[in-house]
Amino acid sequence: MNDTTTTPIPETLDIPEDATPKARDRIVALAAEKAQLRSQLDSLTPQVAAAATLRGELDTLRAQHDAARAEWQAAQTGWTTERAILSAGITDPEAADIVAHAYSRVATPAEGAKPTLSEWLANREALPKGVRAYLPDASGAVATMPATGQATTAPVLPPTPSVNAGASSGTAAPAKTFSPEAIQQMLGTPQGRAAYAANRTAILASLK
């Protein structure tokens, strides 16, 4: 007696008439598995959409976090720089620009690390003149220009050469070098500070 049972065939399933019972059972089983997977896919579709929304929110939060971290690092660097300058006894607000510019030009040695700003300022003898001029002396007083009994005036900046300047001689006019003393004089008057602000790049570039 044959005990083989035949799986009921769904009405929507197209099975060849000449298929064997075993083939029919296999086709029906595959159709049922396909229907189950389709149902699972339909249930996952809303979850995928929700995950996509969460991913967009995550990307936004990550961008905000990166921006906030960059701002924090910039503030931390500024605070560290200001503390190092003040710890060295430099209190002139305009000196911070000169010190930061000079320190940015310090090369990193082939072996070892670049000294920190505090370490660099502590090595007084190796500092550029433009930085040493703002450091206090042994008594704690910042070096100043000797009194002459006359009003201090800001040094006159050279006029900006025209496009054709120097064309007749074939040589360019030499760049003006600003000494630390001249810069201190310049910063002593409102006109001098305005001139410094207008020519800051050239002044900083002239420091040695």
N, C-alpha and C. Protein backbone atom coordinates (compact mmCIF):
# COMPACT_ATOMS: atom_id res chain seq x y z
N MET A 1 0.86 -1.19 0.00
CA MET A 1 0.00 0.00 0.00
C MET A 1 0.88 1.23 0.00
N ASN A 2 0.58 2.18 -0.89
CA ASN A 2 1.39 3.40 -1.00
C ASN A 2 0.85 4.44 -0.04
N ASP A 3 1.73 4.90 0.94
CA ASP A 3 1.31 5.90 1.94
C ASP A 3 1.66 7.33 1.52
N THR A 4 2.16 7.50 0.29
CA THR A 4 2.57 8.84 -0.16
C THR A 4 1.36 9.76 -0.23
N THR A 5 1.51 10.97 0.38
CA THR A 5 0.43 11.96 0.35
C THR A 5 0.83 13.10 -0.56
N THR A 6 -0.12 13.68 -1.18
CA THR A 6 0.13 14.79 -2.10
C THR A 6 -0.23 16.11 -1.45
N THR A 7 0.70 17.07 -1.52
CA THR A 7 0.46 18.39 -0.94
C THR A 7 -0.59 19.12 -1.74
N PRO A 8 -1.58 19.71 -1.06
CA PRO A 8 -2.62 20.46 -1.80
C PRO A 8 -1.98 21.56 -2.64
N ILE A 9 -2.51 21.72 -3.82
CA ILE A 9 -1.96 22.71 -4.76
C ILE A 9 -2.80 23.97 -4.71
N PRO A 10 -2.18 25.14 -4.43
CA PRO A 10 -2.95 26.38 -4.45
C PRO A 10 -3.55 26.62 -5.82
N GLU A 11 -4.72 27.24 -5.84
CA GLU A 11 -5.40 27.47 -7.11
C GLU A 11 -4.60 28.39 -8.03
N THR A 12 -3.82 29.29 -7.49
CA THR A 12 -3.07 30.25 -8.31
C THR A 12 -1.75 29.68 -8.81
N LEU A 13 -1.40 28.48 -8.42
CA LEU A 13 -0.12 27.91 -8.80
C LEU A 13 -0.28 27.09 -10.08
N ASP A 14 0.54 27.39 -11.06
CA ASP A 14 0.47 26.72 -12.35
C ASP A 14 1.47 25.56 -12.38
N ILE A 15 1.00 24.34 -12.40
CA ILE A 15 1.85 23.16 -12.40
C ILE A 15 1.55 22.35 -13.66
N PRO A 16 2.57 21.94 -14.37
CA PRO A 16 2.33 21.13 -15.58
C PRO A 16 1.51 19.88 -15.25
N GLU A 17 0.62 19.50 -16.19
CA GLU A 17 -0.24 18.35 -15.96
C GLU A 17 0.54 17.05 -15.88
N ASP A 18 1.68 16.99 -16.57
CA ASP A 18 2.45 15.75 -16.59
C ASP A 18 3.49 15.68 -15.47
N ALA A 19 3.45 16.64 -14.50
CA ALA A 19 4.43 16.62 -13.41
C ALA A 19 4.16 15.46 -12.48
N THR A 20 5.24 14.87 -12.01
CA THR A 20 5.11 13.76 -11.07
C THR A 20 4.69 14.30 -9.71
N PRO A 21 4.15 13.40 -8.86
CA PRO A 21 3.77 13.88 -7.52
C PRO A 21 4.94 14.52 -6.77
N LYS A 22 6.13 13.97 -6.93
CA LYS A 22 7.29 14.53 -6.24
C LYS A 22 7.61 15.93 -6.76
N ALA A 23 7.51 16.09 -8.10
CA ALA A 23 7.76 17.40 -8.69
C ALA A 23 6.70 18.40 -8.25
N ARG A 24 5.45 17.93 -8.17
CA ARG A 24 4.38 18.82 -7.72
C ARG A 24 4.63 19.29 -6.29
N ASP A 25 5.04 18.35 -5.43
CA ASP A 25 5.30 18.72 -4.03
C ASP A 25 6.44 19.75 -3.94
N ARG A 26 7.46 19.56 -4.80
CA ARG A 26 8.60 20.49 -4.78
C ARG A 26 8.19 21.89 -5.24
N ILE A 27 7.37 21.94 -6.27
CA ILE A 27 6.91 23.23 -6.79
C ILE A 27 6.05 23.94 -5.75
N VAL A 28 5.19 23.18 -5.09
CA VAL A 28 4.33 23.78 -4.07
C VAL A 28 5.16 24.29 -2.90
N ALA A 29 6.18 23.51 -2.49
CA ALA A 29 7.03 23.93 -1.37
C ALA A 29 7.79 25.21 -1.70
N LEU A 30 8.31 25.29 -2.93
CA LEU A 30 9.04 26.49 -3.35
C LEU A 30 8.11 27.70 -3.41
N ALA A 31 6.90 27.50 -3.86
CA ALA A 31 5.93 28.59 -3.91
C ALA A 31 5.60 29.09 -2.52
N ALA A 32 5.45 28.15 -1.56
CA ALA A 32 5.16 28.55 -0.19
C ALA A 32 6.33 29.31 0.43
N GLU A 33 7.56 28.86 0.12
CA GLU A 33 8.75 29.55 0.64
C GLU A 33 8.86 30.95 0.05
N LYS A 34 8.54 31.07 -1.24
CA LYS A 34 8.57 32.37 -1.91
C LYS A 34 7.56 33.33 -1.29
N ALA A 35 6.36 32.81 -0.99
CA ALA A 35 5.33 33.64 -0.38
C ALA A 35 5.74 34.09 1.02
N GLN A 36 6.41 33.20 1.75
CA GLN A 36 6.86 33.56 3.10
C GLN A 36 7.94 34.64 3.04
N LEU A 37 8.87 34.50 2.10
CA LEU A 37 9.92 35.51 1.96
C LEU A 37 9.34 36.85 1.52
N ARG A 38 8.33 36.79 0.66
CA ARG A 38 7.67 38.02 0.22
C ARG A 38 7.01 38.73 1.40
N SER A 39 6.41 37.95 2.27
CA SER A 39 5.76 38.52 3.45
C SER A 39 6.79 39.16 4.38
N GLN A 40 7.93 38.48 4.54
CA GLN A 40 9.00 39.04 5.39
C GLN A 40 9.53 40.34 4.79
N LEU A 41 9.69 40.35 3.45
CA LEU A 41 10.18 41.57 2.79
C LEU A 41 9.22 42.72 2.99
N ASP A 42 7.93 42.44 2.86
CA ASP A 42 6.93 43.50 3.05
C ASP A 42 6.96 44.05 4.47
N SER A 43 7.22 43.18 5.45
CA SER A 43 7.27 43.64 6.84
C SER A 43 8.54 44.43 7.14
N LEU A 44 9.62 44.16 6.37
CA LEU A 44 10.89 44.86 6.60
C LEU A 44 10.94 46.21 5.89
N THR A 45 10.11 46.41 4.88
CA THR A 45 10.17 47.67 4.12
C THR A 45 9.99 48.90 5.00
N PRO A 46 8.99 48.95 5.91
CA PRO A 46 8.88 50.13 6.78
C PRO A 46 10.10 50.30 7.69
N GLN A 47 10.70 49.18 8.13
CA GLN A 47 11.88 49.27 8.99
C GLN A 47 13.06 49.87 8.22
N VAL A 48 13.18 49.48 6.95
CA VAL A 48 14.25 50.04 6.12
C VAL A 48 14.06 51.54 5.95
N ALA A 49 12.84 51.96 5.71
CA ALA A 49 12.56 53.39 5.56
C ALA A 49 12.88 54.14 6.85
N ALA A 50 12.52 53.54 7.99
CA ALA A 50 12.82 54.17 9.28
C ALA A 50 14.32 54.25 9.50
N ALA A 51 15.03 53.18 9.11
CA ALA A 51 16.50 53.18 9.27
C ALA A 51 17.15 54.24 8.39
N ALA A 52 16.60 54.44 7.18
CA ALA A 52 17.14 55.47 6.28
C ALA A 52 16.96 56.85 6.90
N THR A 53 15.81 57.06 7.53
CA THR A 53 15.58 58.35 8.20
C THR A 53 16.56 58.55 9.35
N LEU A 54 16.74 57.49 10.13
CA LEU A 54 17.68 57.57 11.25
C LEU A 54 19.11 57.81 10.75
N ARG A 55 19.45 57.20 9.62
CA ARG A 55 20.80 57.41 9.07
C ARG A 55 21.00 58.87 8.68
N GLY A 56 19.97 59.47 8.06
CA GLY A 56 20.07 60.88 7.71
C GLY A 56 20.25 61.75 8.94
N GLU A 57 19.50 61.44 10.00
CA GLU A 57 19.65 62.20 11.24
C GLU A 57 21.03 61.98 11.84
N LEU A 58 21.53 60.74 11.73
CA LEU A 58 22.86 60.44 12.27
C LEU A 58 23.93 61.23 11.52
N ASP A 59 23.80 61.32 10.19
CA ASP A 59 24.77 62.08 9.40
C ASP A 59 24.74 63.56 9.79
N THR A 60 23.54 64.08 10.03
CA THR A 60 23.42 65.47 10.45
C THR A 60 24.07 65.70 11.80
N LEU A 61 23.81 64.78 12.73
CA LEU A 61 24.40 64.90 14.06
C LEU A 61 25.91 64.76 14.00
N ARG A 62 26.40 63.87 13.13
CA ARG A 62 27.85 63.71 13.01
C ARG A 62 28.51 64.98 12.47
N ALA A 63 27.86 65.61 11.47
CA ALA A 63 28.39 66.86 10.92
C ALA A 63 28.40 67.96 11.98
N GLN A 64 27.33 68.03 12.78
CA GLN A 64 27.28 69.04 13.85
C GLN A 64 28.36 68.76 14.90
N HIS A 65 28.58 67.48 15.19
CA HIS A 65 29.61 67.11 16.17
C HIS A 65 30.99 67.49 15.65
N ASP A 66 31.27 67.22 14.36
CA ASP A 66 32.57 67.55 13.79
C ASP A 66 32.80 69.06 13.80
N ALA A 67 31.75 69.83 13.47
CA ALA A 67 31.89 71.29 13.47
C ALA A 67 32.15 71.81 14.89
N ALA A 68 31.41 71.26 15.86
CA ALA A 68 31.61 71.69 17.24
C ALA A 68 33.00 71.31 17.74
N ARG A 69 33.47 70.14 17.34
CA ARG A 69 34.81 69.72 17.76
C ARG A 69 35.89 70.62 17.16
N ALA A 70 35.71 71.00 15.88
CA ALA A 70 36.67 71.89 15.23
C ALA A 70 36.70 73.25 15.94
N GLU A 71 35.53 73.77 16.31
CA GLU A 71 35.47 75.04 17.04
C GLU A 71 36.16 74.91 18.40
N TRP A 72 35.91 73.78 19.06
CA TRP A 72 36.54 73.56 20.37
C TRP A 72 38.05 73.49 20.25
N GLN A 73 38.55 72.79 19.23
CA GLN A 73 39.99 72.67 19.05
C GLN A 73 40.61 74.02 18.74
N ALA A 74 39.90 74.84 17.93
CA ALA A 74 40.41 76.18 17.63
C ALA A 74 40.47 77.04 18.89
N ALA A 75 39.40 76.94 19.71
CA ALA A 75 39.39 77.70 20.96
C ALA A 75 40.47 77.20 21.92
N GLN A 76 40.69 75.90 21.96
CA GLN A 76 41.72 75.32 22.82
C GLN A 76 43.10 75.78 22.39
N THR A 77 43.34 75.79 21.06
CA THR A 77 44.62 76.25 20.55
C THR A 77 44.84 77.73 20.88
N GLY A 78 43.78 78.53 20.69
CA GLY A 78 43.91 79.96 21.01
C GLY A 78 44.17 80.18 22.49
N TRP A 79 43.49 79.42 23.34
CA TRP A 79 43.70 79.58 24.77
C TRP A 79 45.10 79.16 25.18
N THR A 80 45.60 78.05 24.61
CA THR A 80 46.95 77.58 24.92
C THR A 80 47.99 78.60 24.47
N THR A 81 47.77 79.18 23.27
CA THR A 81 48.70 80.18 22.76
C THR A 81 48.71 81.42 23.65
N GLU A 82 47.53 81.88 24.02
CA GLU A 82 47.43 83.08 24.86
C GLU A 82 48.07 82.84 26.23
N ARG A 83 47.85 81.67 26.80
CA ARG A 83 48.44 81.37 28.10
C ARG A 83 49.96 81.34 28.02
N ALA A 84 50.50 80.74 26.93
CA ALA A 84 51.96 80.67 26.78
C ALA A 84 52.56 82.07 26.64
N ILE A 85 51.88 82.94 25.88
CA ILE A 85 52.39 84.30 25.68
C ILE A 85 52.34 85.09 26.98
N LEU A 86 51.23 84.98 27.71
CA LEU A 86 51.13 85.70 28.98
C LEU A 86 52.11 85.15 30.01
N SER A 87 52.32 83.83 30.00
CA SER A 87 53.26 83.23 30.95
C SER A 87 54.69 83.71 30.70
N ALA A 88 54.98 84.06 29.44
CA ALA A 88 56.31 84.57 29.11
C ALA A 88 56.47 86.04 29.47
N GLY A 89 55.41 86.66 29.96
CA GLY A 89 55.48 88.06 30.36
C GLY A 89 55.12 89.03 29.27
N ILE A 90 54.61 88.55 28.17
CA ILE A 90 54.23 89.42 27.05
C ILE A 90 52.77 89.82 27.23
N THR A 91 52.55 91.11 27.41
CA THR A 91 51.20 91.59 27.68
C THR A 91 50.66 92.50 26.59
N ASP A 92 51.51 92.91 25.65
CA ASP A 92 51.05 93.79 24.57
C ASP A 92 50.11 93.00 23.65
N PRO A 93 48.87 93.46 23.49
CA PRO A 93 47.92 92.72 22.64
C PRO A 93 48.42 92.54 21.22
N GLU A 94 49.09 93.56 20.68
CA GLU A 94 49.56 93.47 19.30
C GLU A 94 50.72 92.48 19.17
N ALA A 95 51.39 92.17 20.27
CA ALA A 95 52.54 91.27 20.21
C ALA A 95 52.10 89.84 19.90
N ALA A 96 50.87 89.49 20.22
CA ALA A 96 50.40 88.12 19.99
C ALA A 96 50.50 87.75 18.52
N ASP A 97 50.16 88.68 17.64
CA ASP A 97 50.25 88.43 16.20
C ASP A 97 51.69 88.13 15.80
N ILE A 98 52.60 88.96 16.29
CA ILE A 98 54.01 88.82 15.92
C ILE A 98 54.58 87.51 16.45
N VAL A 99 54.25 87.20 17.70
CA VAL A 99 54.75 85.96 18.30
C VAL A 99 54.20 84.74 17.55
N ALA A 100 52.88 84.74 17.29
CA ALA A 100 52.27 83.60 16.60
C ALA A 100 52.84 83.44 15.20
N HIS A 101 53.08 84.56 14.51
CA HIS A 101 53.64 84.49 13.16
C HIS A 101 55.06 83.94 13.19
N ALA A 102 55.86 84.43 14.13
CA ALA A 102 57.24 83.96 14.22
C ALA A 102 57.29 82.48 14.59
N TYR A 103 56.41 82.06 15.48
CA TYR A 103 56.40 80.65 15.90
C TYR A 103 55.96 79.74 14.76
N SER A 104 55.05 80.23 13.91
CA SER A 104 54.59 79.41 12.79
C SER A 104 55.70 79.13 11.79
N ARG A 105 56.76 79.96 11.83
CA ARG A 105 57.87 79.77 10.90
C ARG A 105 58.96 78.88 11.47
N VAL A 106 58.77 78.41 12.70
CA VAL A 106 59.75 77.50 13.29
C VAL A 106 59.62 76.14 12.63
N ALA A 107 60.72 75.65 12.09
CA ALA A 107 60.68 74.37 11.38
C ALA A 107 60.73 73.20 12.36
N THR A 108 60.09 72.12 11.99
CA THR A 108 60.13 70.90 12.80
C THR A 108 61.44 70.18 12.50
N PRO A 109 62.22 69.85 13.50
CA PRO A 109 63.50 69.18 13.26
C PRO A 109 63.31 67.82 12.61
N ALA A 110 64.36 67.36 11.92
CA ALA A 110 64.30 66.06 11.26
C ALA A 110 64.04 64.95 12.27
N GLU A 111 64.64 65.08 13.43
CA GLU A 111 64.42 64.11 14.50
C GLU A 111 63.84 64.82 15.70
N GLY A 112 62.80 64.27 16.23
CA GLY A 112 62.16 64.91 17.37
C GLY A 112 60.96 65.72 16.95
N ALA A 113 60.40 66.43 17.91
CA ALA A 113 59.19 67.20 17.66
C ALA A 113 59.49 68.70 17.75
N LYS A 114 58.62 69.49 17.15
CA LYS A 114 58.73 70.93 17.22
C LYS A 114 58.48 71.37 18.66
N PRO A 115 59.29 72.28 19.19
CA PRO A 115 59.06 72.72 20.58
C PRO A 115 57.70 73.39 20.72
N THR A 116 57.13 73.27 21.88
CA THR A 116 55.87 73.97 22.13
C THR A 116 56.15 75.46 22.18
N LEU A 117 55.09 76.24 22.13
CA LEU A 117 55.26 77.69 22.17
C LEU A 117 55.93 78.13 23.46
N SER A 118 55.57 77.51 24.58
CA SER A 118 56.19 77.85 25.86
C SER A 118 57.67 77.53 25.85
N GLU A 119 58.02 76.36 25.33
CA GLU A 119 59.44 75.97 25.25
C GLU A 119 60.22 76.91 24.35
N TRP A 120 59.59 77.28 23.24
CA TRP A 120 60.26 78.17 22.29
C TRP A 120 60.50 79.55 22.90
N LEU A 121 59.50 80.08 23.59
CA LEU A 121 59.65 81.40 24.22
C LEU A 121 60.66 81.36 25.36
N ALA A 122 60.81 80.20 26.00
CA ALA A 122 61.75 80.09 27.11
C ALA A 122 63.20 80.18 26.64
N ASN A 123 63.45 79.82 25.39
CA ASN A 123 64.81 79.89 24.83
C ASN A 123 65.04 81.29 24.27
N ARG A 124 65.18 82.24 25.17
CA ARG A 124 65.19 83.67 24.82
C ARG A 124 66.25 84.02 23.78
N GLU A 125 67.46 83.49 23.94
CA GLU A 125 68.57 83.88 23.06
C GLU A 125 68.33 83.45 21.62
N ALA A 126 67.54 82.42 21.41
CA ALA A 126 67.31 81.93 20.05
C ALA A 126 66.11 82.59 19.38
N LEU A 127 65.42 83.46 20.10
CA LEU A 127 64.22 84.09 19.55
C LEU A 127 64.58 85.19 18.56
N PRO A 128 63.72 85.44 17.58
CA PRO A 128 63.92 86.57 16.67
C PRO A 128 63.88 87.89 17.46
N LYS A 129 64.54 88.89 16.93
CA LYS A 129 64.57 90.19 17.61
C LYS A 129 63.15 90.75 17.78
N GLY A 130 62.32 90.52 16.78
CA GLY A 130 60.97 91.05 16.85
C GLY A 130 60.16 90.46 17.99
N VAL A 131 60.52 89.27 18.46
CA VAL A 131 59.84 88.66 19.60
C VAL A 131 60.52 89.07 20.90
N ARG A 132 61.84 89.08 20.91
CA ARG A 132 62.58 89.45 22.14
C ARG A 132 62.24 90.86 22.59
N ALA A 133 61.88 91.72 21.63
CA ALA A 133 61.58 93.10 22.00
C ALA A 133 60.38 93.20 22.93
N TYR A 134 59.51 92.19 22.93
CA TYR A 134 58.31 92.23 23.77
C TYR A 134 58.48 91.46 25.07
N LEU A 135 59.60 90.79 25.24
CA LEU A 135 59.83 90.04 26.47
C LEU A 135 60.33 90.97 27.57
N PRO A 136 59.91 90.76 28.80
CA PRO A 136 60.41 91.59 29.90
C PRO A 136 61.87 91.25 30.19
N ASP A 137 62.61 92.24 30.71
CA ASP A 137 64.00 91.97 31.08
C ASP A 137 64.04 91.27 32.43
N ALA A 138 65.23 91.13 32.96
CA ALA A 138 65.39 90.40 34.23
C ALA A 138 64.59 91.03 35.36
N SER A 139 64.36 92.34 35.32
CA SER A 139 63.62 93.01 36.38
C SER A 139 62.11 92.91 36.19
N GLY A 140 61.72 92.36 35.03
CA GLY A 140 60.29 92.20 34.76
C GLY A 140 59.72 93.32 33.93
N ALA A 141 60.53 94.32 33.57
CA ALA A 141 60.05 95.44 32.77
C ALA A 141 60.23 95.12 31.30
N VAL A 142 59.24 95.50 30.51
CA VAL A 142 59.32 95.31 29.08
C VAL A 142 60.18 96.40 28.49
N ALA A 143 61.05 96.03 27.56
CA ALA A 143 61.93 97.00 26.93
C ALA A 143 61.13 98.07 26.22
N THR A 144 61.52 99.33 26.40
CA THR A 144 60.81 100.44 25.76
C THR A 144 61.82 101.35 25.09
N MET A 145 61.34 102.18 24.22
CA MET A 145 62.20 103.15 23.56
C MET A 145 62.60 104.25 24.54
N PRO A 146 63.85 104.72 24.50
CA PRO A 146 64.27 105.79 25.40
C PRO A 146 63.51 107.07 25.11
N ALA A 147 63.23 107.83 26.19
CA ALA A 147 62.50 109.09 26.04
C ALA A 147 63.38 110.13 25.37
N THR A 148 62.83 110.88 24.46
CA THR A 148 63.59 111.91 23.75
C THR A 148 63.06 113.29 24.05
N GLY A 149 61.94 113.37 24.77
CA GLY A 149 61.35 114.67 25.06
C GLY A 149 60.49 115.17 23.93
N GLN A 150 60.38 114.37 22.85
CA GLN A 150 59.56 114.77 21.72
C GLN A 150 58.45 113.75 21.55
N ALA A 151 57.40 114.20 20.95
CA ALA A 151 56.27 113.29 20.71
C ALA A 151 56.70 112.19 19.76
N THR A 152 56.28 110.99 20.07
CA THR A 152 56.63 109.85 19.22
C THR A 152 55.68 109.79 18.04
N THR A 153 56.24 109.63 16.87
CA THR A 153 55.43 109.51 15.66
C THR A 153 55.68 108.16 15.04
N ALA A 154 54.67 107.68 14.39
CA ALA A 154 54.80 106.38 13.74
C ALA A 154 55.71 106.50 12.53
N PRO A 155 56.55 105.50 12.28
CA PRO A 155 57.42 105.55 11.11
C PRO A 155 56.59 105.61 9.84
N VAL A 156 57.08 106.34 8.88
CA VAL A 156 56.37 106.52 7.63
C VAL A 156 56.58 105.30 6.77
N LEU A 157 55.49 104.74 6.28
CA LEU A 157 55.59 103.57 5.42
C LEU A 157 55.91 104.00 4.00
N PRO A 158 56.68 103.22 3.29
CA PRO A 158 57.02 103.59 1.91
C PRO A 158 55.78 103.55 1.04
N PRO A 159 55.67 104.46 0.05
CA PRO A 159 54.50 104.44 -0.83
C PRO A 159 54.48 103.17 -1.65
N THR A 160 53.26 102.75 -1.99
CA THR A 160 53.11 101.55 -2.80
C THR A 160 53.60 101.82 -4.21
N PRO A 161 54.56 101.03 -4.71
CA PRO A 161 55.11 101.30 -6.04
C PRO A 161 54.05 101.04 -7.10
N SER A 162 54.15 101.81 -8.21
CA SER A 162 53.21 101.62 -9.30
C SER A 162 53.60 100.37 -10.08
N VAL A 163 52.72 100.00 -11.01
CA VAL A 163 52.96 98.79 -11.79
C VAL A 163 54.25 98.88 -12.57
N ASN A 164 54.58 100.10 -13.08
CA ASN A 164 55.76 100.28 -13.92
C ASN A 164 56.98 100.75 -13.14
N ALA A 165 56.87 100.77 -11.79
CA ALA A 165 57.99 101.25 -11.00
C ALA A 165 59.18 100.34 -11.19
N GLY A 166 60.35 100.93 -11.40
CA GLY A 166 61.57 100.17 -11.56
C GLY A 166 61.76 99.64 -12.97
N ALA A 167 60.81 99.93 -13.87
CA ALA A 167 60.93 99.40 -15.22
C ALA A 167 62.10 100.01 -15.95
N SER A 168 62.38 101.32 -15.70
CA SER A 168 63.45 101.99 -16.43
C SER A 168 64.81 101.47 -16.02
N SER A 169 64.97 101.14 -14.75
CA SER A 169 66.28 100.69 -14.28
C SER A 169 66.42 99.18 -14.35
N GLY A 170 65.26 98.48 -14.44
CA GLY A 170 65.32 97.03 -14.52
C GLY A 170 65.46 96.35 -13.17
N THR A 171 65.43 97.12 -12.07
CA THR A 171 65.56 96.54 -10.73
C THR A 171 64.40 97.00 -9.88
N ALA A 172 63.96 96.14 -8.96
CA ALA A 172 62.86 96.50 -8.07
C ALA A 172 63.38 97.22 -6.85
N ALA A 173 62.56 98.10 -6.28
CA ALA A 173 62.96 98.83 -5.09
C ALA A 173 63.09 97.86 -3.92
N PRO A 174 64.10 98.01 -3.09
CA PRO A 174 64.28 97.08 -1.97
C PRO A 174 63.12 97.15 -0.99
N ALA A 175 62.74 95.99 -0.41
CA ALA A 175 61.66 95.96 0.57
C ALA A 175 62.10 96.60 1.87
N LYS A 176 61.19 97.33 2.52
CA LYS A 176 61.54 97.99 3.76
C LYS A 176 61.51 96.98 4.89
N THR A 177 62.50 97.03 5.77
CA THR A 177 62.57 96.15 6.93
C THR A 177 62.16 96.92 8.16
N PHE A 178 61.27 96.38 8.94
CA PHE A 178 60.77 97.03 10.14
C PHE A 178 61.45 96.42 11.35
N SER A 179 62.11 97.23 12.11
CA SER A 179 62.77 96.75 13.32
C SER A 179 61.75 96.65 14.45
N PRO A 180 62.07 95.88 15.49
CA PRO A 180 61.16 95.81 16.64
C PRO A 180 60.87 97.17 17.25
N GLU A 181 61.90 98.01 17.28
CA GLU A 181 61.70 99.35 17.85
C GLU A 181 60.73 100.16 16.99
N ALA A 182 60.85 100.04 15.67
CA ALA A 182 59.95 100.77 14.79
C ALA A 182 58.52 100.29 14.95
N ILE A 183 58.35 98.99 15.14
CA ILE A 183 57.01 98.44 15.32
C ILE A 183 56.42 98.94 16.64
N GLN A 184 57.24 98.98 17.70
CA GLN A 184 56.75 99.48 18.97
C GLN A 184 56.35 100.95 18.86
N GLN A 185 57.15 101.72 18.14
CA GLN A 185 56.79 103.12 17.91
C GLN A 185 55.45 103.20 17.16
N MET A 186 55.31 102.37 16.17
CA MET A 186 54.11 102.38 15.34
C MET A 186 52.87 102.07 16.18
N LEU A 187 52.98 101.12 17.09
CA LEU A 187 51.85 100.72 17.90
C LEU A 187 51.54 101.70 19.02
N GLY A 188 52.36 102.73 19.16
CA GLY A 188 52.18 103.69 20.24
C GLY A 188 51.19 104.79 19.93
N THR A 189 50.73 104.89 18.70
CA THR A 189 49.78 105.95 18.34
C THR A 189 48.63 105.35 17.54
N PRO A 190 47.47 106.00 17.55
CA PRO A 190 46.34 105.50 16.75
C PRO A 190 46.68 105.41 15.27
N GLN A 191 47.40 106.45 14.76
CA GLN A 191 47.77 106.42 13.35
C GLN A 191 48.71 105.26 13.05
N GLY A 192 49.63 105.03 14.00
CA GLY A 192 50.58 103.93 13.81
C GLY A 192 49.89 102.58 13.83
N ARG A 193 48.91 102.42 14.73
CA ARG A 193 48.19 101.15 14.78
C ARG A 193 47.39 100.92 13.51
N ALA A 194 46.85 101.99 12.96
CA ALA A 194 46.12 101.86 11.69
C ALA A 194 47.08 101.47 10.57
N ALA A 195 48.27 102.08 10.58
CA ALA A 195 49.26 101.74 9.56
C ALA A 195 49.71 100.29 9.72
N TYR A 196 49.84 99.85 10.97
CA TYR A 196 50.24 98.46 11.22
C TYR A 196 49.19 97.50 10.67
N ALA A 197 47.92 97.81 10.95
CA ALA A 197 46.84 96.94 10.49
C ALA A 197 46.80 96.87 8.96
N ALA A 198 47.08 98.01 8.30
CA ALA A 198 47.03 98.05 6.85
C ALA A 198 48.21 97.35 6.20
N ASN A 199 49.33 97.28 6.92
CA ASN A 199 50.55 96.71 6.34
C ASN A 199 51.06 95.52 7.15
N ARG A 200 50.15 94.86 7.87
CA ARG A 200 50.55 93.79 8.79
C ARG A 200 51.34 92.68 8.09
N THR A 201 50.88 92.27 6.91
CA THR A 201 51.54 91.16 6.20
C THR A 201 52.98 91.50 5.86
N ALA A 202 53.21 92.72 5.33
CA ALA A 202 54.56 93.13 4.97
C ALA A 202 55.45 93.29 6.19
N ILE A 203 54.86 93.79 7.28
CA ILE A 203 55.63 94.01 8.50
C ILE A 203 56.06 92.69 9.10
N LEU A 204 55.14 91.75 9.18
CA LEU A 204 55.48 90.44 9.75
C LEU A 204 56.49 89.71 8.88
N ALA A 205 56.36 89.87 7.57
CA ALA A 205 57.29 89.19 6.67
C ALA A 205 58.70 89.76 6.77
N SER A 206 58.82 91.03 7.22
CA SER A 206 60.15 91.66 7.30
C SER A 206 60.90 91.32 8.56
N LEU A 207 60.20 90.74 9.55
CA LEU A 207 60.87 90.42 10.81
C LEU A 207 61.83 89.28 10.62
N LYS A 208 62.94 89.33 11.27
CA LYS A 208 63.97 88.29 11.19
C LYS A 208 64.14 87.66 12.57
